[in-house]
N, C-alpha and C. Protein backbone atom coordinates (compact mmCIF):
# COMPACT_ATOMS: atom_id res chain seq x y z
N MET A 1 -66.57 -196.14 45.54
CA MET A 1 -66.24 -194.74 45.17
C MET A 1 -65.05 -194.27 45.29
N LEU A 2 -64.63 -193.51 44.42
CA LEU A 2 -62.87 -193.04 44.57
C LEU A 2 -62.69 -191.97 43.88
N LEU A 3 -61.86 -191.67 44.18
CA LEU A 3 -60.81 -189.91 43.43
C LEU A 3 -59.97 -190.75 42.60
N CYS A 4 -59.58 -190.52 41.53
CA CYS A 4 -58.48 -190.68 40.81
C CYS A 4 -57.87 -189.33 40.37
N SER A 5 -56.66 -189.61 40.32
CA SER A 5 -55.99 -187.96 39.87
C SER A 5 -55.12 -188.76 38.84
N CYS A 6 -54.78 -189.93 38.15
CA CYS A 6 -53.93 -189.94 36.30
C CYS A 6 -54.57 -188.84 35.73
N GLU A 7 -53.06 -188.48 35.24
CA GLU A 7 -53.48 -187.49 33.94
C GLU A 7 -54.69 -187.39 33.13
N ASP A 8 -55.10 -188.23 32.79
CA ASP A 8 -56.30 -188.43 32.03
C ASP A 8 -57.25 -187.93 32.67
N CYS A 9 -57.91 -188.27 33.47
CA CYS A 9 -58.24 -187.73 34.64
C CYS A 9 -58.73 -186.09 34.78
N GLN A 10 -57.24 -186.00 35.27
CA GLN A 10 -56.83 -184.54 35.16
C GLN A 10 -57.23 -183.51 33.86
N LYS A 11 -56.97 -184.24 32.76
CA LYS A 11 -57.33 -183.33 31.18
C LYS A 11 -58.81 -183.84 31.43
N ALA A 12 -59.83 -184.77 31.44
CA ALA A 12 -60.88 -184.55 31.22
C ALA A 12 -61.69 -184.07 31.86
N THR A 13 -61.68 -183.47 33.29
CA THR A 13 -62.34 -182.90 34.19
C THR A 13 -61.94 -181.24 34.29
N GLY A 14 -60.72 -181.11 33.53
CA GLY A 14 -60.02 -179.62 34.04
C GLY A 14 -59.43 -179.24 35.64
N ALA A 15 -59.57 -180.75 36.10
CA ALA A 15 -59.39 -180.65 37.88
C ALA A 15 -57.93 -181.66 38.25
N GLY A 16 -58.25 -181.35 39.53
CA GLY A 16 -56.69 -182.02 39.64
C GLY A 16 -57.25 -184.09 40.11
N HIS A 17 -58.69 -184.25 39.39
CA HIS A 17 -58.92 -185.56 40.01
C HIS A 17 -60.19 -185.38 39.16
N SER A 18 -60.70 -186.44 39.30
CA SER A 18 -61.82 -187.25 39.14
C SER A 18 -62.62 -187.70 39.93
N ALA A 19 -64.16 -187.74 40.48
CA ALA A 19 -64.81 -188.14 41.54
C ALA A 19 -65.68 -189.01 40.68
N ALA A 20 -65.84 -190.65 41.38
CA ALA A 20 -66.58 -191.86 40.45
C ALA A 20 -66.97 -192.61 41.23
N ALA A 21 -67.87 -192.87 41.05
CA ALA A 21 -69.08 -194.25 41.77
C ALA A 21 -69.33 -195.33 40.66
N PHE A 22 -68.46 -196.38 41.10
CA PHE A 22 -68.98 -197.94 40.44
C PHE A 22 -69.67 -198.36 40.70
N VAL A 23 -70.85 -198.86 39.10
CA VAL A 23 -71.97 -199.41 39.62
C VAL A 23 -71.94 -200.35 38.63
N ASP A 24 -73.26 -200.94 38.66
CA ASP A 24 -73.74 -202.67 37.63
C ASP A 24 -73.89 -202.11 36.44
N ALA A 25 -73.06 -202.20 35.49
CA ALA A 25 -74.08 -201.57 34.14
C ALA A 25 -75.45 -202.04 33.87
N THR A 26 -75.68 -203.00 34.51
CA THR A 26 -77.14 -203.45 34.50
C THR A 26 -78.56 -202.45 35.02
N ASP A 27 -77.43 -202.24 36.24
CA ASP A 27 -78.52 -200.81 36.90
C ASP A 27 -78.74 -200.04 36.76
N VAL A 28 -78.07 -199.61 35.32
CA VAL A 28 -78.22 -198.54 34.96
C VAL A 28 -79.03 -198.36 33.59
N THR A 29 -79.78 -196.76 33.04
CA THR A 29 -80.95 -196.99 31.60
C THR A 29 -80.05 -195.50 31.71
N ILE A 30 -79.74 -195.65 30.43
CA ILE A 30 -79.43 -194.57 29.90
C ILE A 30 -80.66 -194.02 28.70
N ALA A 31 -80.87 -192.79 28.39
CA ALA A 31 -81.71 -192.28 28.02
C ALA A 31 -81.17 -191.07 26.67
N GLY A 32 -81.35 -191.81 25.45
CA GLY A 32 -81.04 -190.54 24.62
C GLY A 32 -79.38 -191.85 23.90
N THR A 33 -79.11 -190.92 23.04
CA THR A 33 -77.61 -191.20 22.60
C THR A 33 -76.55 -190.57 22.97
N LEU A 34 -75.63 -191.04 22.92
CA LEU A 34 -74.10 -190.68 23.71
C LEU A 34 -73.37 -190.94 22.76
N LYS A 35 -72.51 -190.16 22.88
CA LYS A 35 -71.08 -189.84 22.05
C LYS A 35 -69.90 -190.35 22.81
N SER A 36 -68.84 -191.52 22.70
CA SER A 36 -67.52 -191.61 23.23
C SER A 36 -66.16 -191.64 22.40
N PHE A 37 -65.49 -191.68 23.46
CA PHE A 37 -63.87 -191.73 22.80
C PHE A 37 -63.15 -192.89 23.66
N ALA A 38 -62.14 -193.25 23.16
CA ALA A 38 -61.81 -194.98 23.41
C ALA A 38 -60.57 -194.31 23.45
N ARG A 39 -59.32 -194.78 24.74
CA ARG A 39 -57.74 -194.61 24.89
C ARG A 39 -57.49 -195.90 25.34
N PRO A 40 -56.37 -195.89 25.02
CA PRO A 40 -55.84 -197.26 25.93
C PRO A 40 -55.33 -196.34 27.23
N ALA A 41 -55.55 -197.02 28.34
CA ALA A 41 -55.29 -196.95 29.89
C ALA A 41 -53.35 -197.58 30.01
N ASP A 42 -53.04 -197.20 31.27
CA ASP A 42 -52.12 -197.36 31.35
C ASP A 42 -51.85 -198.90 31.92
N SER A 43 -53.18 -199.52 32.46
CA SER A 43 -53.36 -200.70 32.41
C SER A 43 -52.97 -201.52 30.99
N GLY A 44 -53.17 -201.35 29.91
CA GLY A 44 -53.33 -202.16 28.85
C GLY A 44 -54.71 -202.27 28.15
N ALA A 45 -55.38 -201.63 29.08
CA ALA A 45 -56.91 -201.89 28.49
C ALA A 45 -57.65 -200.68 28.26
N ILE A 46 -58.49 -200.72 27.31
CA ILE A 46 -59.10 -199.82 26.37
C ILE A 46 -59.95 -199.07 27.70
N LEU A 47 -59.94 -197.15 28.04
CA LEU A 47 -60.83 -197.07 28.59
C LEU A 47 -61.57 -195.65 27.66
N THR A 48 -63.06 -195.99 27.63
CA THR A 48 -64.30 -195.54 26.71
C THR A 48 -64.96 -194.51 28.13
N ARG A 49 -64.74 -193.52 27.61
CA ARG A 49 -65.45 -192.04 28.50
C ARG A 49 -66.41 -191.67 27.50
N TYR A 50 -67.68 -191.70 27.81
CA TYR A 50 -68.95 -191.69 27.29
C TYR A 50 -69.50 -189.85 27.30
N PHE A 51 -70.24 -189.32 26.60
CA PHE A 51 -70.50 -187.67 27.43
C PHE A 51 -71.76 -187.47 26.22
N CYS A 52 -72.33 -186.21 26.48
CA CYS A 52 -73.75 -186.09 26.00
C CYS A 52 -72.94 -185.14 24.76
N PRO A 53 -73.81 -185.62 23.35
CA PRO A 53 -73.17 -185.20 22.42
C PRO A 53 -73.75 -183.63 22.24
N GLU A 54 -74.60 -183.36 23.24
CA GLU A 54 -75.20 -181.68 22.86
C GLU A 54 -74.06 -180.83 23.54
N CYS A 55 -74.30 -181.36 25.17
CA CYS A 55 -73.30 -180.13 25.76
C CYS A 55 -72.24 -180.84 26.09
N GLY A 56 -71.68 -182.11 25.87
CA GLY A 56 -69.95 -182.68 26.42
C GLY A 56 -70.63 -182.61 27.85
N THR A 57 -71.31 -182.64 28.47
CA THR A 57 -71.68 -183.36 29.44
C THR A 57 -71.08 -184.67 29.94
N PRO A 58 -69.47 -185.21 30.81
CA PRO A 58 -69.50 -186.98 31.21
C PRO A 58 -70.15 -187.19 31.53
N ILE A 59 -70.75 -188.45 30.92
CA ILE A 59 -71.82 -189.56 31.50
C ILE A 59 -71.01 -191.14 32.75
N TYR A 60 -70.18 -191.45 31.99
CA TYR A 60 -69.81 -192.36 32.36
C TYR A 60 -68.23 -192.79 32.04
N GLY A 61 -67.56 -193.79 32.38
CA GLY A 61 -66.40 -194.45 31.86
C GLY A 61 -66.62 -195.78 31.94
N GLN A 62 -65.93 -196.51 31.17
CA GLN A 62 -66.09 -198.08 31.30
C GLN A 62 -64.91 -198.45 30.63
N SER A 63 -64.12 -199.84 31.61
CA SER A 63 -62.87 -199.97 31.37
C SER A 63 -62.82 -201.06 30.23
N SER A 64 -62.00 -202.18 29.37
CA SER A 64 -62.64 -203.16 28.48
C SER A 64 -62.05 -203.99 29.71
N ARG A 65 -61.41 -203.76 30.73
CA ARG A 65 -60.72 -205.09 31.58
C ARG A 65 -62.24 -205.36 32.78
N ALA A 66 -63.21 -204.62 32.66
CA ALA A 66 -64.20 -204.74 33.41
C ALA A 66 -65.69 -204.52 33.38
N LEU A 67 -66.06 -204.75 32.36
CA LEU A 67 -67.26 -204.18 31.27
C LEU A 67 -68.64 -204.40 32.41
N ARG A 68 -68.69 -205.13 33.23
CA ARG A 68 -69.65 -205.44 34.32
C ARG A 68 -70.09 -203.91 34.43
N PHE A 69 -69.10 -203.05 35.18
CA PHE A 69 -69.38 -202.07 35.39
C PHE A 69 -69.18 -200.77 34.92
N MET A 70 -70.03 -199.66 35.10
CA MET A 70 -69.76 -198.53 34.87
C MET A 70 -69.29 -197.20 35.83
N MET A 71 -68.11 -196.35 35.39
CA MET A 71 -67.94 -195.26 35.91
C MET A 71 -68.71 -194.13 36.17
N LEU A 72 -69.45 -194.32 36.73
CA LEU A 72 -70.31 -192.79 37.06
C LEU A 72 -69.71 -191.64 37.50
N GLN A 73 -69.84 -190.38 36.62
CA GLN A 73 -69.05 -189.30 37.24
C GLN A 73 -70.26 -188.30 38.43
N VAL A 74 -69.27 -188.25 39.49
CA VAL A 74 -69.95 -187.81 40.58
C VAL A 74 -70.89 -186.34 40.27
N GLY A 75 -70.35 -185.41 39.71
CA GLY A 75 -70.44 -184.59 38.61
C GLY A 75 -72.02 -184.29 38.36
N LEU A 76 -72.15 -185.21 37.88
CA LEU A 76 -73.35 -185.41 37.15
C LEU A 76 -74.75 -185.41 37.64
N PHE A 77 -74.55 -185.72 39.01
CA PHE A 77 -75.61 -185.54 40.31
C PHE A 77 -75.79 -184.15 40.83
N GLY A 78 -74.95 -182.99 40.24
CA GLY A 78 -75.18 -181.84 40.93
C GLY A 78 -75.12 -181.77 42.47
N ALA A 79 -76.13 -181.07 42.93
CA ALA A 79 -75.98 -180.66 44.46
C ALA A 79 -76.54 -181.91 45.01
N GLU A 80 -76.97 -183.34 44.55
CA GLU A 80 -77.61 -184.26 45.01
C GLU A 80 -76.15 -185.25 44.90
N THR A 81 -75.27 -185.12 45.68
CA THR A 81 -73.68 -185.95 45.86
C THR A 81 -73.73 -186.20 47.27
N GLU A 82 -74.83 -185.67 48.28
CA GLU A 82 -74.35 -185.84 49.76
C GLU A 82 -73.44 -187.52 49.96
N TRP A 83 -74.57 -188.70 49.09
CA TRP A 83 -74.41 -190.16 49.33
C TRP A 83 -72.22 -189.97 49.20
N PHE A 84 -72.02 -189.81 48.52
CA PHE A 84 -70.71 -189.91 47.91
C PHE A 84 -69.54 -189.79 49.10
N GLU A 85 -68.97 -191.14 49.21
CA GLU A 85 -68.23 -190.65 50.29
C GLU A 85 -66.88 -191.71 49.64
N PRO A 86 -65.77 -190.58 49.12
CA PRO A 86 -64.90 -191.73 48.45
C PRO A 86 -63.86 -192.24 49.28
N ASN A 87 -63.71 -193.55 49.02
CA ASN A 87 -62.65 -194.40 50.15
C ASN A 87 -61.06 -194.36 49.71
N GLN A 88 -61.21 -194.49 48.26
CA GLN A 88 -59.66 -193.88 47.90
C GLN A 88 -59.22 -193.14 46.71
N LEU A 89 -58.02 -192.58 46.93
CA LEU A 89 -57.40 -192.03 45.69
C LEU A 89 -56.22 -193.00 45.66
N ILE A 90 -56.74 -193.14 43.58
CA ILE A 90 -55.76 -194.01 42.33
C ILE A 90 -55.04 -192.55 42.08
N PHE A 91 -54.15 -193.60 41.57
CA PHE A 91 -53.07 -192.38 40.80
C PHE A 91 -52.48 -191.27 41.54
N ALA A 92 -51.99 -191.53 43.32
CA ALA A 92 -51.51 -190.37 43.50
C ALA A 92 -50.22 -190.05 43.29
N ARG A 93 -49.77 -190.81 42.42
CA ARG A 93 -48.36 -190.51 42.00
C ARG A 93 -48.42 -189.50 41.11
N SER A 94 -49.26 -189.00 40.71
CA SER A 94 -49.76 -187.49 39.27
C SER A 94 -50.56 -186.86 40.13
N HIS A 95 -50.99 -187.02 41.38
CA HIS A 95 -52.07 -185.76 42.40
C HIS A 95 -50.98 -184.22 42.38
N ARG A 96 -51.38 -183.31 42.25
CA ARG A 96 -51.25 -181.87 42.33
C ARG A 96 -51.43 -181.75 43.32
N GLN A 97 -50.59 -181.19 43.87
CA GLN A 97 -50.36 -180.57 45.52
C GLN A 97 -51.52 -179.32 45.74
N TRP A 98 -51.91 -178.71 44.84
CA TRP A 98 -52.61 -177.70 44.82
C TRP A 98 -54.45 -178.16 44.77
N ASP A 99 -54.36 -179.42 44.77
CA ASP A 99 -55.78 -180.44 44.71
C ASP A 99 -55.71 -180.83 45.97
N GLU A 100 -56.69 -180.03 46.51
CA GLU A 100 -56.76 -180.80 48.53
C GLU A 100 -57.58 -181.76 48.50
N ILE A 101 -57.02 -182.88 49.17
CA ILE A 101 -57.64 -183.71 49.37
C ILE A 101 -57.35 -184.72 50.40
N ALA A 102 -58.42 -185.04 51.37
CA ALA A 102 -58.36 -185.49 52.37
C ALA A 102 -57.13 -185.68 52.87
N ALA A 103 -56.55 -185.84 53.82
CA ALA A 103 -55.68 -186.81 54.09
C ALA A 103 -54.79 -187.46 54.75
N ASP A 104 -56.13 -188.35 55.20
CA ASP A 104 -56.63 -189.88 56.03
C ASP A 104 -57.11 -190.61 54.71
N LEU A 105 -57.51 -190.00 53.69
CA LEU A 105 -57.99 -190.76 52.31
C LEU A 105 -57.38 -192.02 51.78
N ALA A 106 -57.09 -193.20 51.60
CA ALA A 106 -56.20 -194.17 51.41
C ALA A 106 -55.65 -193.87 50.10
N ARG A 107 -54.25 -194.11 49.88
CA ARG A 107 -53.46 -193.35 48.45
C ARG A 107 -53.15 -194.78 48.10
N HIS A 108 -53.38 -194.99 46.51
CA HIS A 108 -52.67 -195.65 45.80
C HIS A 108 -51.74 -195.38 44.50
N GLU A 109 -50.38 -195.47 44.59
CA GLU A 109 -49.59 -194.84 43.11
C GLU A 109 -50.67 -195.08 42.41
N THR A 110 -50.82 -195.98 41.66
CA THR A 110 -51.77 -196.23 40.75
C THR A 110 -52.65 -197.13 40.79
N TYR A 111 -53.21 -198.01 40.12
CA TYR A 111 -54.09 -198.87 40.36
C TYR A 111 -54.06 -199.36 41.73
N ARG A 112 -55.05 -199.72 42.58
CA ARG A 112 -55.39 -200.23 43.51
C ARG A 112 -54.97 -202.02 43.49
N GLN A 113 -54.80 -202.51 44.32
CA GLN A 113 -54.16 -204.08 44.29
C GLN A 113 -55.50 -204.70 44.60
N LYS A 114 -56.65 -204.58 45.27
CA LYS A 114 -57.64 -205.33 45.31
C LYS A 114 -58.44 -204.98 43.97
N ALA A 115 -59.37 -206.66 43.45
CA ALA A 115 -59.91 -206.25 42.75
C ALA A 115 -61.51 -205.08 42.53
N MET A 116 -61.73 -204.30 41.70
CA MET A 116 -62.32 -203.43 41.81
C MET A 116 -64.22 -204.00 41.76
N PRO A 117 -65.15 -203.38 42.37
CA PRO A 117 -65.01 -202.58 43.46
C PRO A 117 -65.32 -203.83 44.62
């Protein structure tokens, strides 16, 4: 579980960061058809974001470097998010000062150095 302040996440969310939970893709079932948009990430991988074609709600993201995992957008769960406890902020180098984040949260200038998750 993490926050990301890369400029792509800022644009995708319209906020200062995104909130994502990494889950094993085999543990998730998607009902219905999603649309997607893929682009190169700073890592050199391809990041694909999936969203509802009817309302545009972001559903999840997936990196070509880690196809086993889905990055679920925590806002998708509405008020049922008390389980979410981010343990780090990635891409702190592009974090905006107006976007208040807990001072004690571990911060990484780009990607964290350990393997996900």
